[in-house]
Protein backbone atom coordinates (compact mmCIF):
# COMPACT_ATOMS: atom_id res chain seq x y z
CA UNK A 1 -15.78 -7.20 -37.24
CA UNK A 2 -18.03 -6.75 -40.25
CA UNK A 3 -15.11 -5.58 -42.37
CA UNK A 4 -13.07 -8.69 -41.56
CA UNK A 5 -16.06 -10.86 -42.33
CA UNK A 6 -16.57 -9.28 -45.73
CA UNK A 7 -12.87 -9.71 -46.50
CA UNK A 8 -13.01 -13.41 -45.58
CA UNK A 9 -16.13 -13.92 -47.70
CA UNK A 10 -14.35 -12.36 -50.68
CA UNK A 11 -11.22 -14.47 -50.12
CA UNK A 12 -13.27 -17.65 -49.67
CA UNK A 13 -15.45 -17.08 -52.72
CA UNK A 14 -12.46 -15.91 -54.73
CA UNK A 15 -10.49 -19.01 -53.87
CA UNK A 16 -13.33 -21.05 -55.35
CA UNK A 17 -13.72 -18.98 -58.52
CA UNK A 18 -10.18 -17.83 -59.34
CA UNK A 19 -8.84 -21.31 -60.22
CA UNK A 20 -11.31 -21.32 -63.11
CA UNK A 21 -9.23 -18.44 -64.54
CA UNK A 22 -5.90 -20.09 -63.62
CA UNK A 23 -5.32 -17.69 -60.71
CA UNK A 24 -5.32 -18.14 -56.96
CA UNK A 25 -4.79 -15.98 -53.87
CA UNK A 26 -1.26 -16.46 -52.56
CA UNK A 27 -2.57 -17.05 -49.05
CA UNK A 28 -5.00 -19.71 -50.24
CA UNK A 29 -2.27 -21.54 -52.21
CA UNK A 30 -1.10 -22.87 -48.84
CA UNK A 31 -4.32 -24.89 -48.55
CA UNK A 32 -4.70 -25.65 -52.25
CA UNK A 33 -4.81 -29.39 -51.54
CA UNK A 34 -7.91 -28.86 -49.40
CA UNK A 35 -9.91 -26.85 -51.93
CA UNK A 36 -12.91 -26.33 -52.27
CA UNK A 37 -13.50 -27.10 -48.59
CA UNK A 38 -10.98 -24.52 -47.39
CA UNK A 39 -12.60 -21.80 -49.48
CA UNK A 40 -16.05 -22.73 -48.23
CA UNK A 41 -14.81 -22.75 -44.62
CA UNK A 42 -13.20 -19.31 -44.99
CA UNK A 43 -16.39 -17.89 -46.56
CA UNK A 44 -18.55 -19.39 -43.79
CA UNK A 45 -16.28 -17.95 -41.09
CA UNK A 46 -16.58 -14.58 -42.84
CA UNK A 47 -20.38 -14.85 -42.92
CA UNK A 48 -20.45 -15.68 -39.21
CA UNK A 49 -18.30 -12.63 -38.45
CA UNK A 50 -20.61 -10.40 -40.50
CA UNK A 51 -23.70 -11.75 -38.70
CA UNK A 52 -22.08 -11.36 -35.28
CA UNK A 53 -21.00 -7.82 -36.13
CA UNK A 54 -24.49 -6.88 -37.29
CA UNK A 55 -26.01 -8.40 -34.15
CA UNK A 56 -23.51 -6.53 -31.99
CA UNK A 57 -24.37 -3.23 -33.68
CA UNK A 58 -28.11 -3.89 -33.31
CA UNK A 59 -27.67 -4.64 -29.58
CA UNK A 60 -25.70 -1.42 -29.10
CA UNK A 61 -28.40 0.59 -30.88
CA UNK A 62 -31.14 -1.07 -28.84
CA UNK A 63 -29.31 -0.29 -25.60
CA UNK A 64 -28.85 3.32 -26.68
CA UNK A 65 -32.54 3.69 -27.52
CA UNK A 66 -33.57 2.50 -24.05
CA UNK A 67 -31.75 5.38 -22.38
CA UNK A 68 -34.44 7.77 -21.22
CA UNK A 69 -33.86 11.45 -21.64
CA UNK A 70 -35.28 13.84 -19.06
CA UNK A 71 -38.45 15.68 -19.96
CA UNK A 72 -37.89 19.24 -21.19
CA UNK A 73 -39.69 20.72 -18.17
CA UNK A 74 -38.11 18.39 -15.62
CA UNK A 75 -36.08 21.15 -13.98
CA UNK A 76 -39.10 23.46 -13.55
CA UNK A 77 -42.00 22.61 -11.26
CA UNK A 78 -45.33 22.09 -13.04
CA UNK A 79 -47.39 23.89 -10.44
CA UNK A 80 -46.77 26.74 -8.06
CA UNK A 81 -47.26 26.62 -4.33
CA UNK A 82 -50.85 27.85 -4.64
CA UNK A 83 -51.71 24.93 -6.97
CA UNK A 84 -52.14 26.97 -10.15
CA UNK A 85 -50.67 25.53 -13.32
CA UNK A 86 -47.81 27.77 -14.51
CA UNK A 87 -46.87 25.98 -17.72
CA UNK A 88 -46.88 28.08 -20.90
């Protein structure tokens, strides 16, 4: 999702700047009558996708960090039957 967002930001910003050099993206020529608003809209949609992708990744990392791992001595009892501590 972040990759698509970055691509849309580049296309949107490029469609605003390239006409200054007498160039334009072929895809954005379709909406040339609606420039600069179309370029701004494409860049904003790209920014939203980047933010959503970053938020999605952060939520996945937070969920993964909340998974508790068992203690290293969890499979071995801490004390013996006589009550003496047997840990090394």
